[in-house]
Protein backbone atom coordinates (compact mmCIF):
# COMPACT_ATOMS: atom_id res chain seq x y z
CA MET A 1 -62.24 19.31 34.71
CA SER A 2 -59.41 17.98 36.82
CA MET A 3 -57.31 20.31 38.95
CA GLY A 4 -54.18 19.74 36.83
CA LEU A 5 -55.96 20.51 33.58
CA ARG A 6 -57.64 23.59 35.08
CA SER A 7 -54.31 25.03 36.21
CA GLN A 8 -52.83 24.39 32.76
CA VAL A 9 -55.72 26.26 31.12
CA HIS A 10 -55.27 29.21 33.49
CA ALA A 11 -51.52 29.19 32.88
CA HIS A 12 -52.14 29.54 29.13
CA ARG A 13 -54.69 32.30 29.55
CA ARG A 14 -52.32 34.62 31.42
CA PRO A 15 -49.91 35.31 28.52
CA TYR A 16 -52.84 35.87 26.16
CA GLY A 17 -54.32 38.41 28.55
CA ARG A 18 -51.00 40.27 28.64
CA LEU A 19 -50.77 40.08 24.88
CA ARG A 20 -54.30 41.45 24.51
CA ARG A 21 -53.49 44.35 26.85
CA ALA A 22 -50.28 45.06 24.97
CA MET A 23 -52.11 45.00 21.64
CA ALA A 24 -54.79 47.33 23.02
CA ALA A 25 -52.05 49.74 24.10
CA VAL A 26 -50.50 49.59 20.62
CA GLU A 27 -53.89 50.20 18.99
CA ASN A 28 -54.50 53.16 21.30
CA GLY A 29 -51.11 54.60 20.38
CA MET A 30 -51.83 54.12 16.68
CA ARG A 31 -55.18 55.93 17.07
CA LYS A 32 -53.38 58.87 18.68
CA LEU A 33 -50.77 58.95 15.91
CA THR A 34 -53.52 58.84 13.29
CA ASP A 35 -55.29 61.76 14.96
CA ILE A 36 -52.04 63.74 14.96
CA ALA A 37 -51.40 62.94 11.30
CA VAL A 38 -54.90 64.17 10.39
CA VAL A 39 -54.36 67.44 12.27
CA LEU A 40 -50.98 67.97 10.60
CA GLY A 41 -52.52 67.28 7.20
CA ARG A 42 -55.17 69.91 7.83
CA TYR A 43 -52.51 72.44 8.84
CA ASP A 44 -50.60 71.66 5.64
CA GLU A 45 -53.75 72.30 3.60
CA ARG A 46 -54.32 75.63 5.37
CA ILE A 47 -50.73 76.73 4.82
CA LEU A 48 -50.96 75.78 1.15
CA ALA A 49 -54.22 77.74 0.79
CA VAL A 50 -52.70 80.84 2.39
CA THR A 51 -49.55 80.54 0.27
CA THR A 52 -51.62 80.13 -2.88
CA ARG A 53 -53.57 83.29 -2.06
CA LEU A 54 -50.44 85.29 -1.16
CA ASN A 55 -48.25 84.33 -4.12
CA PRO A 56 -50.14 86.39 -6.74
CA THR A 57 -50.15 89.39 -4.38
CA ASP A 58 -46.45 88.98 -3.72
CA ASN A 59 -45.75 88.69 -7.44
CA ARG A 60 -47.75 91.85 -8.12
CA TRP A 61 -45.81 93.79 -5.46
CA GLU A 62 -42.55 92.59 -7.00
CA GLU A 63 -43.69 93.72 -10.46
CA LEU A 64 -44.64 97.14 -9.11
CA ARG A 65 -41.32 97.49 -7.30
CA GLN A 66 -39.35 96.55 -10.41
CA SER A 67 -41.33 98.93 -12.63
CA ARG A 68 -40.67 101.74 -10.19
CA ASN A 69 -36.91 101.07 -10.22
CA SER A 70 -36.76 100.97 -14.02
């Protein structure tokens, strides 16, 4: 390979290396966001489960309170 051609090849590789590093950083950020979304989804499920269990109890207390006031 001639010196001119070699320097042209190296000149083209540099931007691709930067692009690869930038894409890796984006992928890493997306992985972190995905992990956060999974954790938030689990918290939502837990809150829904607790609310579902508490609603009948809350309704029963309200019924008892109303019957007492009647």
